[in-house]
Amino acid sequence: MKEFIEFISKHLVDNPDSVDVDEKTPDEKKIVLTLKVGAEDVGKVIGKQGKTAQAMRTLLTAIAAKEGKRAILEILD
């Protein structure tokens, strides 16, 4: 899942080297992914009215559901 979010994010931003995804598993059924991008690229990852971020969360939820887990995507400013 981490690689999936990293792949999408790198293709959305102007500076793909600034993309960093951290994965934490607070418990066995939950995964928290934290996405960090450069300050100038935050808007590109979030999208208009948050639609790009919401689409990424929807896809991530579908992938996690296949594994019987719950995934949360946090985008840091």
PDB file of N, CA and C in Angstrom:
ATOM      1  N   MET A   1       0.813  -1.188   0.000  1.00  0.00           N
ATOM      2  CA  MET A   1       0.000   0.000   0.000  1.00  0.00           C
ATOM      3  C   MET A   1       0.860   1.256   0.000  1.00  0.00           C
ATOM      4  N   LYS A   2       1.957   1.192   0.722  1.00  0.00           N
ATOM      5  CA  LYS A   2       2.865   2.335   0.772  1.00  0.00           C
ATOM      6  C   LYS A   2       3.395   2.644  -0.623  1.00  0.00           C
ATOM      7  N   GLU A   3       3.772   1.607  -1.362  1.00  0.00           N
ATOM      8  CA  GLU A   3       4.304   1.800  -2.705  1.00  0.00           C
ATOM      9  C   GLU A   3       3.251   2.379  -3.641  1.00  0.00           C
ATOM     10  N   PHE A   4       2.001   1.977  -3.453  1.00  0.00           N
ATOM     11  CA  PHE A   4       0.914   2.464  -4.294  1.00  0.00           C
ATOM     12  C   PHE A   4       0.714   3.971  -4.128  1.00  0.00           C
ATOM     13  N   ILE A   5       0.652   4.434  -2.882  1.00  0.00           N
ATOM     14  CA  ILE A   5       0.476   5.860  -2.609  1.00  0.00           C
ATOM     15  C   ILE A   5       1.696   6.642  -3.085  1.00  0.00           C
ATOM     16  N   GLU A   6       2.866   6.074  -2.899  1.00  0.00           N
ATOM     17  CA  GLU A   6       4.102   6.726  -3.347  1.00  0.00           C
ATOM     18  C   GLU A   6       4.096   6.876  -4.872  1.00  0.00           C
ATOM     19  N   PHE A   7       3.678   5.841  -5.588  1.00  0.00           N
ATOM     20  CA  PHE A   7       3.618   5.863  -7.049  1.00  0.00           C
ATOM     21  C   PHE A   7       2.670   6.950  -7.545  1.00  0.00           C
ATOM     22  N   ILE A   8       1.473   6.995  -6.988  1.00  0.00           N
ATOM     23  CA  ILE A   8       0.485   7.996  -7.400  1.00  0.00           C
ATOM     24  C   ILE A   8       1.007   9.409  -7.118  1.00  0.00           C
ATOM     25  N   SER A   9       1.520   9.616  -5.925  1.00  0.00           N
ATOM     26  CA  SER A   9       1.984  10.940  -5.513  1.00  0.00           C
ATOM     27  C   SER A   9       3.130  11.444  -6.367  1.00  0.00           C
ATOM     28  N   LYS A  10       4.068  10.569  -6.682  1.00  0.00           N
ATOM     29  CA  LYS A  10       5.220  10.980  -7.496  1.00  0.00           C
ATOM     30  C   LYS A  10       4.804  11.410  -8.899  1.00  0.00           C
ATOM     31  N   HIS A  11       3.713  10.843  -9.393  1.00  0.00           N
ATOM     32  CA  HIS A  11       3.243  11.223 -10.723  1.00  0.00           C
ATOM     33  C   HIS A  11       2.376  12.484 -10.715  1.00  0.00           C
ATOM     34  N   LEU A  12       1.944  12.914  -9.549  1.00  0.00           N
ATOM     35  CA  LEU A  12       1.125  14.120  -9.446  1.00  0.00           C
ATOM     36  C   LEU A  12       1.953  15.389  -9.240  1.00  0.00           C
ATOM     37  N   VAL A  13       3.093  15.277  -8.593  1.00  0.00           N
ATOM     38  CA  VAL A  13       3.867  16.451  -8.179  1.00  0.00           C
ATOM     39  C   VAL A  13       4.935  16.826  -9.199  1.00  0.00           C
ATOM     40  N   ASP A  14       5.446  18.066  -9.069  1.00  0.00           N
ATOM     41  CA  ASP A  14       6.523  18.537  -9.935  1.00  0.00           C
ATOM     42  C   ASP A  14       7.885  18.037  -9.468  1.00  0.00           C
ATOM     43  N   ASN A  15       8.032  17.850  -8.159  1.00  0.00           N
ATOM     44  CA  ASN A  15       9.302  17.411  -7.591  1.00  0.00           C
ATOM     45  C   ASN A  15       9.108  16.039  -6.924  1.00  0.00           C
ATOM     46  N   PRO A  16       9.242  14.940  -7.689  1.00  0.00           N
ATOM     47  CA  PRO A  16       8.984  13.614  -7.125  1.00  0.00           C
ATOM     48  C   PRO A  16       9.970  13.189  -6.039  1.00  0.00           C
ATOM     49  N   ASP A  17      11.138  13.834  -5.992  1.00  0.00           N
ATOM     50  CA  ASP A  17      12.123  13.476  -4.969  1.00  0.00           C
ATOM     51  C   ASP A  17      11.684  13.896  -3.570  1.00  0.00           C
ATOM     52  N   SER A  18      10.749  14.835  -3.479  1.00  0.00           N
ATOM     53  CA  SER A  18      10.301  15.324  -2.170  1.00  0.00           C
ATOM     54  C   SER A  18       9.188  14.472  -1.563  1.00  0.00           C
ATOM     55  N   VAL A  19       8.722  13.461  -2.286  1.00  0.00           N
ATOM     56  CA  VAL A  19       7.634  12.609  -1.797  1.00  0.00           C
ATOM     57  C   VAL A  19       8.183  11.609  -0.780  1.00  0.00           C
ATOM     58  N   ASP A  20       7.523  11.548   0.383  1.00  0.00           N
ATOM     59  CA  ASP A  20       7.915  10.605   1.428  1.00  0.00           C
ATOM     60  C   ASP A  20       6.648  10.032   2.057  1.00  0.00           C
ATOM     61  N   VAL A  21       6.572   8.708   2.107  1.00  0.00           N
ATOM     62  CA  VAL A  21       5.412   8.032   2.683  1.00  0.00           C
ATOM     63  C   VAL A  21       5.887   7.172   3.850  1.00  0.00           C
ATOM     64  N   ASP A  22       5.296   7.396   5.022  1.00  0.00           N
ATOM     65  CA  ASP A  22       5.590   6.592   6.206  1.00  0.00           C
ATOM     66  C   ASP A  22       4.395   5.708   6.505  1.00  0.00           C
ATOM     67  N   GLU A  23       4.669   4.465   6.846  1.00  0.00           N
ATOM     68  CA  GLU A  23       3.601   3.514   7.151  1.00  0.00           C
ATOM     69  C   GLU A  23       3.719   3.070   8.600  1.00  0.00           C
ATOM     70  N   LYS A  24       2.610   3.179   9.339  1.00  0.00           N
ATOM     71  CA  LYS A  24       2.567   2.747  10.730  1.00  0.00           C
ATOM     72  C   LYS A  24       1.392   1.791  10.899  1.00  0.00           C
ATOM     73  N   THR A  25       1.564   0.818  11.738  1.00  0.00           N
ATOM     74  CA  THR A  25       0.478  -0.111  12.040  1.00  0.00           C
ATOM     75  C   THR A  25       0.230  -0.107  13.544  1.00  0.00           C
ATOM     76  N   PRO A  26      -0.683   0.768  14.012  1.00  0.00           N
ATOM     77  CA  PRO A  26      -0.978   0.831  15.448  1.00  0.00           C
ATOM     78  C   PRO A  26      -1.529  -0.487  16.001  1.00  0.00           C
ATOM     79  N   ASP A  27      -2.287  -1.200  15.194  1.00  0.00           N
ATOM     80  CA  ASP A  27      -2.725  -2.544  15.555  1.00  0.00           C
ATOM     81  C   ASP A  27      -2.804  -3.375  14.286  1.00  0.00           C
ATOM     82  N   GLU A  28      -3.142  -4.638  14.414  1.00  0.00           N
ATOM     83  CA  GLU A  28      -3.061  -5.552  13.274  1.00  0.00           C
ATOM     84  C   GLU A  28      -4.104  -5.295  12.185  1.00  0.00           C
ATOM     85  N   LYS A  29      -5.169  -4.583  12.508  1.00  0.00           N
ATOM     86  CA  LYS A  29      -6.234  -4.332  11.534  1.00  0.00           C
ATOM     87  C   LYS A  29      -6.215  -2.911  10.971  1.00  0.00           C
ATOM     88  N   LYS A  30      -5.258  -2.099  11.370  1.00  0.00           N
ATOM     89  CA  LYS A  30      -5.251  -0.688  10.982  1.00  0.00           C
ATOM     90  C   LYS A  30      -3.880  -0.288  10.447  1.00  0.00           C
ATOM     91  N   ILE A  31      -3.883   0.456   9.351  1.00  0.00           N
ATOM     92  CA  ILE A  31      -2.650   0.973   8.759  1.00  0.00           C
ATOM     93  C   ILE A  31      -2.808   2.480   8.583  1.00  0.00           C
ATOM     94  N   VAL A  32      -1.830   3.240   9.056  1.00  0.00           N
ATOM     95  CA  VAL A  32      -1.846   4.691   8.913  1.00  0.00           C
ATOM     96  C   VAL A  32      -0.690   5.082   7.996  1.00  0.00           C
ATOM     97  N   LEU A  33      -1.017   5.687   6.863  1.00  0.00           N
ATOM     98  CA  LEU A  33      -0.008   6.162   5.920  1.00  0.00           C
ATOM     99  C   LEU A  33       0.067   7.677   6.016  1.00  0.00           C
ATOM    100  N   THR A  34       1.277   8.190   6.170  1.00  0.00           N
ATOM    101  CA  THR A  34       1.499   9.627   6.258  1.00  0.00           C
ATOM    102  C   THR A  34       2.261  10.065   5.024  1.00  0.00           C
ATOM    103  N   LEU A  35       1.683  10.978   4.258  1.00  0.00           N
ATOM    104  CA  LEU A  35       2.277  11.461   3.016  1.00  0.00           C
ATOM    105  C   LEU A  35       2.842  12.855   3.221  1.00  0.00           C
ATOM    106  N   LYS A  36       4.118  13.017   2.886  1.00  0.00           N
ATOM    107  CA  LYS A  36       4.770  14.326   2.950  1.00  0.00           C
ATOM    108  C   LYS A  36       5.272  14.670   1.553  1.00  0.00           C
ATOM    109  N   VAL A  37       4.949  15.872   1.102  1.00  0.00           N
ATOM    110  CA  VAL A  37       5.447  16.368  -0.186  1.00  0.00           C
ATOM    111  C   VAL A  37       5.987  17.777   0.029  1.00  0.00           C
ATOM    112  N   GLY A  38       6.647  18.305  -0.985  1.00  0.00           N
ATOM    113  CA  GLY A  38       7.160  19.663  -0.895  1.00  0.00           C
ATOM    114  C   GLY A  38       6.034  20.671  -0.736  1.00  0.00           C
ATOM    115  N   ALA A  39       6.350  21.815  -0.147  1.00  0.00           N
ATOM    116  CA  ALA A  39       5.337  22.837   0.133  1.00  0.00           C
ATOM    117  C   ALA A  39       4.619  23.299  -1.134  1.00  0.00           C
ATOM    118  N   GLU A  40       5.333  23.363  -2.246  1.00  0.00           N
ATOM    119  CA  GLU A  40       4.723  23.837  -3.493  1.00  0.00           C
ATOM    120  C   GLU A  40       3.842  22.778  -4.147  1.00  0.00           C
ATOM    121  N   ASP A  41       3.933  21.519  -3.696  1.00  0.00           N
ATOM    122  CA  ASP A  41       3.179  20.436  -4.318  1.00  0.00           C
ATOM    123  C   ASP A  41       1.988  19.950  -3.493  1.00  0.00           C
ATOM    124  N   VAL A  42       1.768  20.526  -2.325  1.00  0.00           N
ATOM    125  CA  VAL A  42       0.676  20.072  -1.464  1.00  0.00           C
ATOM    126  C   VAL A  42      -0.665  20.231  -2.170  1.00  0.00           C
ATOM    127  N   GLY A  43      -0.863  21.334  -2.851  1.00  0.00           N
ATOM    128  CA  GLY A  43      -2.122  21.580  -3.555  1.00  0.00           C
ATOM    129  C   GLY A  43      -2.386  20.580  -4.661  1.00  0.00           C
ATOM    130  N   LYS A  44      -1.342  20.109  -5.301  1.00  0.00           N
ATOM    131  CA  LYS A  44      -1.503  19.135  -6.386  1.00  0.00           C
ATOM    132  C   LYS A  44      -1.933  17.778  -5.848  1.00  0.00           C
ATOM    133  N   VAL A  45      -1.449  17.428  -4.674  1.00  0.00           N
ATOM    134  CA  VAL A  45      -1.815  16.146  -4.074  1.00  0.00           C
ATOM    135  C   VAL A  45      -3.226  16.198  -3.511  1.00  0.00           C
ATOM    136  N   ILE A  46      -3.617  17.337  -2.960  1.00  0.00           N
ATOM    137  CA  ILE A  46      -4.957  17.470  -2.391  1.00  0.00           C
ATOM    138  C   ILE A  46      -6.002  17.666  -3.491  1.00  0.00           C
ATOM    139  N   GLY A  47      -5.700  18.476  -4.486  1.00  0.00           N
ATOM    140  CA  GLY A  47      -6.619  18.694  -5.594  1.00  0.00           C
ATOM    141  C   GLY A  47      -7.692  19.709  -5.271  1.00  0.00           C
ATOM    142  N   LYS A  48      -8.493  20.044  -6.270  1.00  0.00           N
ATOM    143  CA  LYS A  48      -9.570  21.005  -6.075  1.00  0.00           C
ATOM    144  C   LYS A  48     -10.624  20.414  -5.166  1.00  0.00           C
ATOM    145  N   GLN A  49     -10.946  21.145  -4.112  1.00  0.00           N
ATOM    146  CA  GLN A  49     -11.924  20.751  -3.101  1.00  0.00           C
ATOM    147  C   GLN A  49     -11.603  19.384  -2.499  1.00  0.00           C
ATOM    148  N   GLY A  50     -10.329  18.981  -2.528  1.00  0.00           N
ATOM    149  CA  GLY A  50      -9.901  17.729  -1.918  1.00  0.00           C
ATOM    150  C   GLY A  50     -10.266  16.484  -2.691  1.00  0.00           C
ATOM    151  N   LYS A  51     -10.618  16.642  -3.961  1.00  0.00           N
ATOM    152  CA  LYS A  51     -11.087  15.493  -4.736  1.00  0.00           C
ATOM    153  C   LYS A  51      -9.977  14.501  -5.057  1.00  0.00           C
ATOM    154  N   THR A  52      -8.775  14.976  -5.307  1.00  0.00           N
ATOM    155  CA  THR A  52      -7.663  14.063  -5.586  1.00  0.00           C
ATOM    156  C   THR A  52      -7.318  13.263  -4.331  1.00  0.00           C
ATOM    157  N   ALA A  53      -7.246  13.928  -3.200  1.00  0.00           N
ATOM    158  CA  ALA A  53      -6.955  13.244  -1.941  1.00  0.00           C
ATOM    159  C   ALA A  53      -8.055  12.230  -1.617  1.00  0.00           C
ATOM    160  N   GLN A  54      -9.288  12.588  -1.859  1.00  0.00           N
ATOM    161  CA  GLN A  54     -10.403  11.684  -1.583  1.00  0.00           C
ATOM    162  C   GLN A  54     -10.342  10.464  -2.504  1.00  0.00           C
ATOM    163  N   ALA A  55      -9.960  10.657  -3.752  1.00  0.00           N
ATOM    164  CA  ALA A  55      -9.834   9.531  -4.680  1.00  0.00           C
ATOM    165  C   ALA A  55      -8.719   8.584  -4.230  1.00  0.00           C
ATOM    166  N   MET A  56      -7.604   9.143  -3.772  1.00  0.00           N
ATOM    167  CA  MET A  56      -6.510   8.312  -3.279  1.00  0.00           C
ATOM    168  C   MET A  56      -6.953   7.527  -2.044  1.00  0.00           C
ATOM    169  N   ARG A  57      -7.715   8.155  -1.172  1.00  0.00           N
ATOM    170  CA  ARG A  57      -8.214   7.472   0.030  1.00  0.00           C
ATOM    171  C   ARG A  57      -9.188   6.351  -0.338  1.00  0.00           C
ATOM    172  N   THR A  58     -10.015   6.585  -1.346  1.00  0.00           N
ATOM    173  CA  THR A  58     -10.972   5.573  -1.781  1.00  0.00           C
ATOM    174  C   THR A  58     -10.254   4.350  -2.327  1.00  0.00           C
ATOM    175  N   LEU A  59      -9.249   4.575  -3.172  1.00  0.00           N
ATOM    176  CA  LEU A  59      -8.478   3.460  -3.718  1.00  0.00           C
ATOM    177  C   LEU A  59      -7.731   2.714  -2.615  1.00  0.00           C
ATOM    178  N   LEU A  60      -7.178   3.444  -1.686  1.00  0.00           N
ATOM    179  CA  LEU A  60      -6.455   2.842  -0.571  1.00  0.00           C
ATOM    180  C   LEU A  60      -7.390   2.001   0.296  1.00  0.00           C
ATOM    181  N   THR A  61      -8.590   2.491   0.514  1.00  0.00           N
ATOM    182  CA  THR A  61      -9.579   1.742   1.290  1.00  0.00           C
ATOM    183  C   THR A  61      -9.924   0.427   0.603  1.00  0.00           C
ATOM    184  N   ALA A  62     -10.062   0.454  -0.717  1.00  0.00           N
ATOM    185  CA  ALA A  62     -10.384  -0.758  -1.463  1.00  0.00           C
ATOM    186  C   ALA A  62      -9.258  -1.782  -1.374  1.00  0.00           C
ATOM    187  N   ILE A  63      -8.022  -1.322  -1.472  1.00  0.00           N
ATOM    188  CA  ILE A  63      -6.876  -2.225  -1.377  1.00  0.00           C
ATOM    189  C   ILE A  63      -6.787  -2.832   0.021  1.00  0.00           C
ATOM    190  N   ALA A  64      -6.984  -2.007   1.035  1.00  0.00           N
ATOM    191  CA  ALA A  64      -6.904  -2.481   2.412  1.00  0.00           C
ATOM    192  C   ALA A  64      -8.029  -3.467   2.723  1.00  0.00           C
ATOM    193  N   ALA A  65      -9.203  -3.239   2.168  1.00  0.00           N
ATOM    194  CA  ALA A  65     -10.337  -4.120   2.424  1.00  0.00           C
ATOM    195  C   ALA A  65     -10.071  -5.532   1.900  1.00  0.00           C
ATOM    196  N   LYS A  66      -9.341  -5.636   0.809  1.00  0.00           N
ATOM    197  CA  LYS A  66      -8.988  -6.953   0.270  1.00  0.00           C
ATOM    198  C   LYS A  66      -8.154  -7.747   1.274  1.00  0.00           C
ATOM    199  N   GLU A  67      -7.354  -7.039   2.061  1.00  0.00           N
ATOM    200  CA  GLU A  67      -6.500  -7.680   3.052  1.00  0.00           C
ATOM    201  C   GLU A  67      -7.172  -7.761   4.426  1.00  0.00           C
ATOM    202  N   GLY A  68      -8.407  -7.289   4.501  1.00  0.00           N
ATOM    203  CA  GLY A  68      -9.134  -7.310   5.772  1.00  0.00           C
ATOM    204  C   GLY A  68      -8.647  -6.269   6.762  1.00  0.00           C
ATOM    205  N   LYS A  69      -8.148  -5.156   6.255  1.00  0.00           N
ATOM    206  CA  LYS A  69      -7.620  -4.114   7.122  1.00  0.00           C
ATOM    207  C   LYS A  69      -8.300  -2.792   6.835  1.00  0.00           C
ATOM    208  N   ARG A  70      -8.013  -1.804   7.666  1.00  0.00           N
ATOM    209  CA  ARG A  70      -8.520  -0.437   7.491  1.00  0.00           C
ATOM    210  C   ARG A  70      -7.339   0.488   7.301  1.00  0.00           C
ATOM    211  N   ALA A  71      -7.375   1.303   6.248  1.00  0.00           N
ATOM    212  CA  ALA A  71      -6.252   2.193   5.954  1.00  0.00           C
ATOM    213  C   ALA A  71      -6.684   3.650   6.092  1.00  0.00           C
ATOM    214  N   ILE A  72      -5.763   4.457   6.624  1.00  0.00           N
ATOM    215  CA  ILE A  72      -5.999   5.887   6.793  1.00  0.00           C
ATOM    216  C   ILE A  72      -4.837   6.623   6.124  1.00  0.00           C
ATOM    217  N   LEU A  73      -5.162   7.616   5.292  1.00  0.00           N
ATOM    218  CA  LEU A  73      -4.140   8.423   4.631  1.00  0.00           C
ATOM    219  C   LEU A  73      -4.163   9.823   5.215  1.00  0.00           C
ATOM    220  N   GLU A  74      -3.005  10.244   5.741  1.00  0.00           N
ATOM    221  CA  GLU A  74      -2.848  11.590   6.270  1.00  0.00           C
ATOM    222  C   GLU A  74      -1.878  12.341   5.371  1.00  0.00           C
ATOM    223  N   ILE A  75      -2.260  13.544   4.963  1.00  0.00           N
ATOM    224  CA  ILE A  75      -1.388  14.375   4.126  1.00  0.00           C
ATOM    225  C   ILE A  75      -0.908  15.531   4.978  1.00  0.00           C
ATOM    226  N   LEU A  76       0.391  15.633   5.164  1.00  0.00           N
ATOM    227  CA  LEU A  76       0.980  16.683   5.995  1.00  0.00           C
ATOM    228  C   LEU A  76       1.294  17.902   5.162  1.00  0.00           C
ATOM    229  N   ASP A  77       1.103  19.086   5.771  1.00  0.00           N
ATOM    230  CA  ASP A  77       1.417  20.338   5.100  1.00  0.00           C
ATOM    231  C   ASP A  77       2.906  20.608   5.181  1.00  0.00           C
TER     232      ASP A  77
END
